[in-house]
């Protein structure tokens, strides 16, 4: 199966370079994740549109341990960390076969013992639920490792 995975990774890596780069660089705005633009191809736990709202990842214990676990899961799930600063992580995921790049961002909220997240397609209007599904997969793995839903 790794030959097929390698083939898809090569094709999506090549085709993603054919698409334009996002107009807006990922990052925090006033200390929070950017709100979704109102299209169904974005979900966010902070300031999202009603259809694009998701719950943050909650954790128990050390914020540092939760953050470390999150970074490991992002990479295991096929994400690439693009930028990290204290309490903020920007990663990208390639949508298999089509080569679209999705931006997935995280913000650590130590007071609430939560990690806020935003997953959005760079292009298009709809994503057939890809971003919401990705978030729920990340949540399931994170919850199983951190011991809390």
N, C-alpha and C. Protein backbone atom coordinates (compact mmCIF):
# COMPACT_ATOMS: atom_id res chain seq x y z
N UNK A 1 0.81 -1.19 0.00
CA UNK A 1 0.00 0.00 0.00
C UNK A 1 0.86 1.26 0.00
N UNK A 2 2.12 1.18 0.47
CA UNK A 2 2.94 2.38 0.54
C UNK A 2 3.31 2.89 -0.85
N UNK A 3 3.37 2.02 -1.85
CA UNK A 3 3.65 2.48 -3.21
C UNK A 3 2.52 3.37 -3.70
N UNK A 4 1.28 2.96 -3.43
CA UNK A 4 0.12 3.77 -3.82
C UNK A 4 0.10 5.08 -3.05
N UNK A 5 0.39 5.02 -1.75
CA UNK A 5 0.45 6.24 -0.94
C UNK A 5 1.52 7.19 -1.46
N UNK A 6 2.68 6.63 -1.83
CA UNK A 6 3.76 7.46 -2.37
C UNK A 6 3.36 8.08 -3.70
N UNK A 7 2.66 7.32 -4.53
CA UNK A 7 2.20 7.83 -5.82
C UNK A 7 1.23 8.99 -5.62
N UNK A 8 0.23 8.80 -4.73
CA UNK A 8 -0.73 9.88 -4.46
C UNK A 8 -0.02 11.09 -3.87
N UNK A 9 0.93 10.88 -2.97
CA UNK A 9 1.66 12.00 -2.37
C UNK A 9 2.41 12.78 -3.44
N UNK A 10 3.01 12.08 -4.38
CA UNK A 10 3.72 12.75 -5.47
C UNK A 10 2.81 13.55 -6.36
N UNK A 11 1.68 12.94 -6.73
CA UNK A 11 0.71 13.62 -7.60
C UNK A 11 0.12 14.83 -6.90
N UNK A 12 -0.32 14.66 -5.64
CA UNK A 12 -0.93 15.79 -4.95
C UNK A 12 0.09 16.88 -4.65
N UNK A 13 1.33 16.49 -4.35
CA UNK A 13 2.37 17.50 -4.12
C UNK A 13 2.61 18.34 -5.35
N UNK A 14 2.63 17.69 -6.53
CA UNK A 14 2.84 18.41 -7.78
C UNK A 14 1.65 19.29 -8.12
N UNK A 15 0.44 18.72 -8.05
CA UNK A 15 -0.73 19.49 -8.46
C UNK A 15 -1.05 20.63 -7.51
N UNK A 16 -0.69 20.49 -6.22
CA UNK A 16 -0.99 21.58 -5.30
C UNK A 16 -0.19 22.83 -5.64
N UNK A 17 0.95 22.66 -6.29
CA UNK A 17 1.74 23.82 -6.69
C UNK A 17 1.13 24.55 -7.89
N UNK A 18 0.14 23.95 -8.53
CA UNK A 18 -0.54 24.60 -9.64
C UNK A 18 -1.60 25.59 -9.18
N UNK A 19 -2.04 25.46 -7.93
CA UNK A 19 -3.08 26.32 -7.39
C UNK A 19 -2.47 27.59 -6.82
N UNK A 20 -3.19 28.68 -6.84
CA UNK A 20 -2.66 29.92 -6.27
C UNK A 20 -2.50 29.82 -4.76
N UNK A 21 -1.62 30.60 -4.23
CA UNK A 21 -1.41 30.67 -2.79
C UNK A 21 -2.55 31.47 -2.16
N UNK A 22 -2.83 31.25 -0.86
CA UNK A 22 -3.93 32.00 -0.24
C UNK A 22 -3.63 33.49 -0.21
N UNK A 23 -4.69 34.30 -0.35
CA UNK A 23 -4.53 35.75 -0.31
C UNK A 23 -4.14 36.21 1.09
N UNK A 24 -4.58 35.48 2.07
CA UNK A 24 -4.39 35.87 3.46
C UNK A 24 -3.54 34.80 4.13
N UNK A 25 -2.45 35.21 4.75
CA UNK A 25 -1.61 34.25 5.44
C UNK A 25 -2.28 33.78 6.72
N UNK A 26 -2.18 32.50 7.02
CA UNK A 26 -2.72 32.02 8.29
C UNK A 26 -2.03 32.72 9.46
N UNK A 27 -2.75 32.87 10.53
CA UNK A 27 -2.20 33.50 11.72
C UNK A 27 -3.31 34.00 12.62
N UNK A 28 -2.91 34.41 13.79
CA UNK A 28 -3.88 34.91 14.76
C UNK A 28 -4.26 36.35 14.44
N UNK A 29 -5.50 36.69 14.75
CA UNK A 29 -6.00 38.06 14.61
C UNK A 29 -6.51 38.45 15.99
N UNK A 30 -5.89 39.46 16.57
CA UNK A 30 -6.24 39.89 17.93
C UNK A 30 -6.18 38.73 18.92
N UNK A 31 -5.19 37.87 18.75
CA UNK A 31 -4.97 36.76 19.67
C UNK A 31 -5.88 35.56 19.48
N UNK A 32 -6.68 35.56 18.42
CA UNK A 32 -7.58 34.44 18.16
C UNK A 32 -7.44 33.96 16.72
N UNK A 33 -7.97 32.77 16.45
CA UNK A 33 -7.97 32.26 15.09
C UNK A 33 -8.92 33.10 14.23
N UNK A 34 -8.60 33.23 12.96
CA UNK A 34 -9.45 33.98 12.04
C UNK A 34 -10.81 33.32 11.93
N UNK A 35 -11.88 34.08 11.83
CA UNK A 35 -13.20 33.47 11.63
C UNK A 35 -13.30 32.89 10.22
N UNK A 36 -14.21 31.96 10.05
CA UNK A 36 -14.47 31.40 8.72
C UNK A 36 -15.12 32.47 7.85
N UNK A 37 -14.88 32.39 6.54
CA UNK A 37 -15.41 33.42 5.64
C UNK A 37 -16.89 33.28 5.32
N UNK A 38 -17.56 32.29 5.86
CA UNK A 38 -18.98 32.11 5.57
C UNK A 38 -19.23 31.08 4.49
N UNK A 39 -18.19 30.40 4.02
CA UNK A 39 -18.35 29.33 3.05
C UNK A 39 -18.35 27.99 3.77
N UNK A 40 -18.97 26.96 3.17
CA UNK A 40 -19.06 25.68 3.86
C UNK A 40 -17.77 24.85 3.84
N UNK A 41 -16.67 25.43 3.38
CA UNK A 41 -15.40 24.69 3.35
C UNK A 41 -14.46 25.11 4.47
N UNK A 42 -15.01 25.56 5.58
CA UNK A 42 -14.22 26.03 6.71
C UNK A 42 -14.97 25.70 8.00
N UNK A 43 -14.20 25.23 8.99
CA UNK A 43 -14.75 25.04 10.34
C UNK A 43 -13.77 25.67 11.32
N UNK A 44 -14.33 26.23 12.41
CA UNK A 44 -13.50 26.91 13.39
C UNK A 44 -14.17 26.86 14.76
N UNK A 45 -13.35 26.74 15.80
CA UNK A 45 -13.90 26.73 17.16
C UNK A 45 -13.96 28.13 17.76
N UNK A 46 -13.47 29.13 17.04
CA UNK A 46 -13.52 30.53 17.50
C UNK A 46 -14.12 31.39 16.41
N UNK A 47 -15.26 31.98 16.70
CA UNK A 47 -15.84 32.95 15.77
C UNK A 47 -16.25 32.39 14.43
N UNK A 48 -16.54 31.10 14.35
CA UNK A 48 -16.96 30.53 13.08
C UNK A 48 -18.39 30.88 12.76
N UNK A 49 -18.75 30.70 11.51
CA UNK A 49 -20.15 30.89 11.14
C UNK A 49 -20.96 29.75 11.74
N UNK A 50 -22.27 29.92 11.91
CA UNK A 50 -23.07 28.89 12.58
C UNK A 50 -22.88 27.49 12.00
N UNK A 51 -22.81 27.36 10.69
CA UNK A 51 -22.62 26.04 10.09
C UNK A 51 -21.20 25.54 10.19
N UNK A 52 -20.26 26.43 10.48
CA UNK A 52 -18.86 26.05 10.51
C UNK A 52 -18.26 25.96 11.90
N UNK A 53 -19.10 25.94 12.91
CA UNK A 53 -18.60 25.91 14.28
C UNK A 53 -18.31 24.48 14.71
N UNK A 54 -17.16 24.29 15.34
CA UNK A 54 -16.78 23.02 15.94
C UNK A 54 -16.28 23.30 17.35
N UNK A 55 -16.31 22.30 18.19
CA UNK A 55 -15.81 22.46 19.55
C UNK A 55 -14.29 22.39 19.55
N UNK A 56 -13.66 23.08 20.50
CA UNK A 56 -12.20 22.96 20.62
C UNK A 56 -11.83 21.59 21.16
N UNK A 57 -10.54 21.28 21.13
CA UNK A 57 -10.02 20.06 21.73
C UNK A 57 -9.77 20.36 23.20
N UNK A 58 -10.39 19.60 24.09
CA UNK A 58 -10.19 19.81 25.52
C UNK A 58 -9.17 18.80 26.03
N UNK A 59 -8.42 19.19 27.04
CA UNK A 59 -7.41 18.30 27.59
C UNK A 59 -7.35 18.43 29.09
N UNK A 60 -6.76 17.41 29.71
CA UNK A 60 -6.46 17.43 31.14
C UNK A 60 -4.94 17.42 31.27
N UNK A 61 -4.46 17.85 32.40
CA UNK A 61 -3.02 17.79 32.63
C UNK A 61 -2.28 18.97 32.03
N UNK A 62 -1.05 18.73 31.72
CA UNK A 62 -0.13 19.75 31.27
C UNK A 62 -0.45 20.27 29.87
N UNK A 63 -0.53 21.60 29.71
CA UNK A 63 -0.72 22.16 28.37
C UNK A 63 0.42 21.79 27.42
N UNK A 64 1.63 21.72 27.94
CA UNK A 64 2.79 21.37 27.11
C UNK A 64 2.65 19.95 26.56
N UNK A 65 2.19 19.03 27.42
CA UNK A 65 2.01 17.64 26.98
C UNK A 65 0.90 17.55 25.93
N UNK A 66 -0.18 18.29 26.14
CA UNK A 66 -1.28 18.29 25.17
C UNK A 66 -0.81 18.85 23.83
N UNK A 67 -0.04 19.91 23.86
CA UNK A 67 0.48 20.55 22.64
C UNK A 67 1.41 19.60 21.90
N UNK A 68 2.26 18.93 22.63
CA UNK A 68 3.18 17.96 22.04
C UNK A 68 2.41 16.81 21.39
N UNK A 69 1.39 16.33 22.08
CA UNK A 69 0.55 15.26 21.53
C UNK A 69 -0.11 15.72 20.25
N UNK A 70 -0.63 16.94 20.25
CA UNK A 70 -1.29 17.48 19.07
C UNK A 70 -0.34 17.51 17.88
N UNK A 71 0.87 18.02 18.06
CA UNK A 71 1.84 18.11 16.96
C UNK A 71 2.15 16.72 16.39
N UNK A 72 2.28 15.75 17.27
CA UNK A 72 2.55 14.39 16.84
C UNK A 72 1.39 13.85 16.01
N UNK A 73 0.17 14.09 16.45
CA UNK A 73 -1.02 13.62 15.74
C UNK A 73 -1.15 14.29 14.38
N UNK A 74 -0.88 15.58 14.30
CA UNK A 74 -0.95 16.30 13.02
C UNK A 74 -0.04 15.62 12.01
N UNK A 75 1.18 15.32 12.40
CA UNK A 75 2.12 14.69 11.48
C UNK A 75 1.70 13.26 11.14
N UNK A 76 1.21 12.52 12.12
CA UNK A 76 0.74 11.15 11.87
C UNK A 76 -0.44 11.12 10.91
N UNK A 77 -1.28 12.14 10.97
CA UNK A 77 -2.47 12.21 10.12
C UNK A 77 -2.17 12.80 8.73
N UNK A 78 -0.91 13.05 8.44
CA UNK A 78 -0.52 13.53 7.11
C UNK A 78 -0.32 15.02 6.99
N UNK A 79 -0.38 15.74 8.09
CA UNK A 79 -0.18 17.18 8.05
C UNK A 79 1.30 17.54 8.06
N UNK A 80 1.58 18.73 7.60
CA UNK A 80 2.94 19.28 7.62
C UNK A 80 2.91 20.58 8.41
N UNK A 81 3.72 20.65 9.45
CA UNK A 81 3.79 21.87 10.25
C UNK A 81 4.53 22.92 9.43
N UNK A 82 3.90 24.07 9.23
CA UNK A 82 4.47 25.16 8.43
C UNK A 82 5.05 26.27 9.30
N UNK A 83 4.42 26.50 10.46
CA UNK A 83 4.88 27.56 11.33
C UNK A 83 4.40 27.27 12.74
N UNK A 84 5.27 27.54 13.71
CA UNK A 84 4.89 27.39 15.10
C UNK A 84 5.48 28.52 15.90
N UNK A 85 4.66 29.09 16.74
CA UNK A 85 5.10 30.09 17.70
C UNK A 85 4.44 29.72 19.02
N UNK A 86 4.84 30.34 20.13
CA UNK A 86 4.24 29.95 21.41
C UNK A 86 2.70 30.00 21.37
N UNK A 87 2.08 28.84 21.56
CA UNK A 87 0.63 28.76 21.60
C UNK A 87 -0.07 28.80 20.26
N UNK A 88 0.66 28.73 19.15
CA UNK A 88 0.05 28.76 17.82
C UNK A 88 0.77 27.79 16.90
N UNK A 89 -0.01 27.08 16.09
CA UNK A 89 0.54 26.12 15.13
C UNK A 89 -0.24 26.22 13.83
N UNK A 90 0.48 26.35 12.73
CA UNK A 90 -0.13 26.34 11.39
C UNK A 90 0.39 25.11 10.67
N UNK A 91 -0.54 24.30 10.16
CA UNK A 91 -0.16 23.12 9.38
C UNK A 91 -0.96 23.10 8.09
N UNK A 92 -0.49 22.31 7.14
CA UNK A 92 -1.23 22.11 5.89
C UNK A 92 -1.45 20.63 5.67
N UNK A 93 -2.56 20.33 5.03
CA UNK A 93 -2.91 18.97 4.64
C UNK A 93 -3.23 18.99 3.15
N UNK A 94 -2.78 17.98 2.42
CA UNK A 94 -3.14 17.84 1.01
C UNK A 94 -4.33 16.91 0.90
N UNK A 95 -5.32 17.31 0.11
CA UNK A 95 -6.48 16.46 -0.13
C UNK A 95 -6.06 15.45 -1.20
N UNK A 96 -6.09 14.16 -0.87
CA UNK A 96 -5.64 13.14 -1.82
C UNK A 96 -6.35 13.23 -3.16
N UNK A 97 -5.63 12.90 -4.18
CA UNK A 97 -6.09 12.81 -5.56
C UNK A 97 -6.26 14.16 -6.23
N UNK A 98 -6.90 15.12 -5.57
CA UNK A 98 -7.17 16.40 -6.19
C UNK A 98 -6.03 17.40 -6.00
N UNK A 99 -5.24 17.22 -4.95
CA UNK A 99 -4.10 18.09 -4.72
C UNK A 99 -4.41 19.43 -4.09
N UNK A 100 -5.62 19.60 -3.57
CA UNK A 100 -5.95 20.85 -2.90
C UNK A 100 -5.22 20.92 -1.56
N UNK A 101 -4.83 22.12 -1.17
CA UNK A 101 -4.18 22.32 0.12
C UNK A 101 -5.18 22.95 1.07
N UNK A 102 -5.27 22.36 2.26
CA UNK A 102 -6.10 22.91 3.33
C UNK A 102 -5.19 23.41 4.44
N UNK A 103 -5.53 24.56 5.00
CA UNK A 103 -4.79 25.13 6.12
C UNK A 103 -5.49 24.73 7.41
N UNK A 104 -4.73 24.19 8.34
CA UNK A 104 -5.28 23.80 9.64
C UNK A 104 -4.45 24.48 10.71
N UNK A 105 -5.13 25.29 11.53
CA UNK A 105 -4.45 26.09 12.56
C UNK A 105 -4.95 25.71 13.94
N UNK A 106 -4.07 25.91 14.92
CA UNK A 106 -4.40 25.58 16.30
C UNK A 106 -3.92 26.71 17.21
N UNK A 107 -4.71 27.00 18.27
CA UNK A 107 -4.32 27.99 19.28
C UNK A 107 -4.53 27.39 20.66
N UNK A 108 -3.48 27.40 21.45
CA UNK A 108 -3.53 26.85 22.80
C UNK A 108 -4.14 27.87 23.76
N UNK A 109 -5.17 27.45 24.48
CA UNK A 109 -5.82 28.27 25.49
C UNK A 109 -5.61 27.57 26.82
N UNK A 110 -4.53 27.95 27.51
CA UNK A 110 -4.16 27.25 28.75
C UNK A 110 -5.20 27.46 29.84
N UNK A 111 -5.80 28.64 29.92
CA UNK A 111 -6.79 28.93 30.97
C UNK A 111 -8.01 28.02 30.85
N UNK A 112 -8.45 27.78 29.63
CA UNK A 112 -9.63 26.94 29.40
C UNK A 112 -9.28 25.47 29.23
N UNK A 113 -7.98 25.15 29.25
CA UNK A 113 -7.51 23.79 28.98
C UNK A 113 -8.11 23.28 27.68
N UNK A 114 -7.92 24.11 26.64
CA UNK A 114 -8.48 23.80 25.33
C UNK A 114 -7.50 24.19 24.24
N UNK A 115 -7.63 23.53 23.11
CA UNK A 115 -6.89 23.91 21.91
C UNK A 115 -7.93 24.24 20.85
N UNK A 116 -7.99 25.51 20.49
CA UNK A 116 -8.91 25.95 19.44
C UNK A 116 -8.33 25.57 18.10
N UNK A 117 -9.22 25.35 17.13
CA UNK A 117 -8.74 24.93 15.82
C UNK A 117 -9.57 25.53 14.71
N UNK A 118 -8.93 25.60 13.55
CA UNK A 118 -9.57 26.11 12.33
C UNK A 118 -9.04 25.29 11.17
N UNK A 119 -9.92 24.73 10.36
CA UNK A 119 -9.53 23.96 9.18
C UNK A 119 -10.30 24.52 8.00
N UNK A 120 -9.57 24.94 6.96
CA UNK A 120 -10.21 25.61 5.84
C UNK A 120 -9.53 25.26 4.52
N UNK A 121 -10.35 25.12 3.49
CA UNK A 121 -9.84 24.93 2.14
C UNK A 121 -9.35 26.27 1.61
N UNK A 122 -8.29 26.23 0.85
CA UNK A 122 -7.78 27.47 0.26
C UNK A 122 -8.62 27.92 -0.92
N UNK A 123 -9.20 26.97 -1.63
CA UNK A 123 -9.94 27.28 -2.85
C UNK A 123 -11.36 26.74 -2.80
N UNK A 124 -12.21 27.30 -3.61
CA UNK A 124 -13.54 26.76 -3.79
C UNK A 124 -14.54 27.23 -2.77
N UNK A 125 -15.70 26.64 -2.87
CA UNK A 125 -16.81 27.02 -2.01
C UNK A 125 -17.18 25.88 -1.06
N UNK A 126 -17.32 24.68 -1.60
CA UNK A 126 -17.69 23.52 -0.78
C UNK A 126 -16.53 22.53 -0.77
N UNK A 127 -16.51 21.70 0.25
CA UNK A 127 -15.43 20.71 0.36
C UNK A 127 -15.94 19.30 0.63
N UNK A 128 -17.25 19.10 0.50
CA UNK A 128 -17.88 17.79 0.76
C UNK A 128 -17.62 17.30 2.17
N UNK A 129 -17.44 18.23 3.10
CA UNK A 129 -17.26 17.87 4.51
C UNK A 129 -15.85 17.45 4.89
N UNK A 130 -14.89 17.67 4.01
CA UNK A 130 -13.51 17.21 4.26
C UNK A 130 -12.92 17.87 5.51
N UNK A 131 -13.09 19.17 5.67
CA UNK A 131 -12.49 19.86 6.82
C UNK A 131 -13.14 19.43 8.14
N UNK A 132 -14.44 19.31 8.16
CA UNK A 132 -15.12 18.85 9.38
C UNK A 132 -14.71 17.42 9.72
N UNK A 133 -14.62 16.56 8.71
CA UNK A 133 -14.20 15.18 8.94
C UNK A 133 -12.78 15.13 9.48
N UNK A 134 -11.89 15.95 8.92
CA UNK A 134 -10.50 15.99 9.40
C UNK A 134 -10.46 16.38 10.87
N UNK A 135 -11.22 17.42 11.23
CA UNK A 135 -11.25 17.89 12.61
C UNK A 135 -11.75 16.78 13.54
N UNK A 136 -12.78 16.08 13.12
CA UNK A 136 -13.32 15.01 13.97
C UNK A 136 -12.35 13.84 14.09
N UNK A 137 -11.58 13.56 13.04
CA UNK A 137 -10.54 12.53 13.13
C UNK A 137 -9.43 12.96 14.09
N UNK A 138 -9.00 14.21 13.98
CA UNK A 138 -7.99 14.73 14.91
C UNK A 138 -8.51 14.66 16.35
N UNK A 139 -9.77 15.03 16.54
CA UNK A 139 -10.39 15.00 17.86
C UNK A 139 -10.41 13.58 18.43
N UNK A 140 -10.80 12.61 17.61
CA UNK A 140 -10.89 11.22 18.08
C UNK A 140 -9.53 10.71 18.53
N UNK A 141 -8.50 10.96 17.75
CA UNK A 141 -7.16 10.49 18.11
C UNK A 141 -6.66 11.25 19.33
N UNK A 142 -6.85 12.57 19.35
CA UNK A 142 -6.40 13.38 20.49
C UNK A 142 -7.10 12.92 21.78
N UNK A 143 -8.40 12.71 21.72
CA UNK A 143 -9.17 12.28 22.89
C UNK A 143 -8.70 10.92 23.39
N UNK A 144 -8.41 10.02 22.47
CA UNK A 144 -7.98 8.69 22.90
C UNK A 144 -6.62 8.73 23.59
N UNK A 145 -5.79 9.69 23.22
CA UNK A 145 -4.46 9.79 23.82
C UNK A 145 -4.44 10.64 25.08
N UNK A 146 -5.36 11.60 25.15
CA UNK A 146 -5.38 12.51 26.31
C UNK A 146 -6.42 12.07 27.35
N UNK A 147 -7.21 11.07 27.04
CA UNK A 147 -8.14 10.52 28.00
C UNK A 147 -9.36 11.36 28.32
N UNK A 148 -9.75 12.21 27.35
CA UNK A 148 -10.93 13.06 27.60
C UNK A 148 -11.59 13.41 26.28
N UNK A 149 -12.91 13.36 26.21
CA UNK A 149 -13.60 13.74 24.96
C UNK A 149 -13.55 15.24 24.69
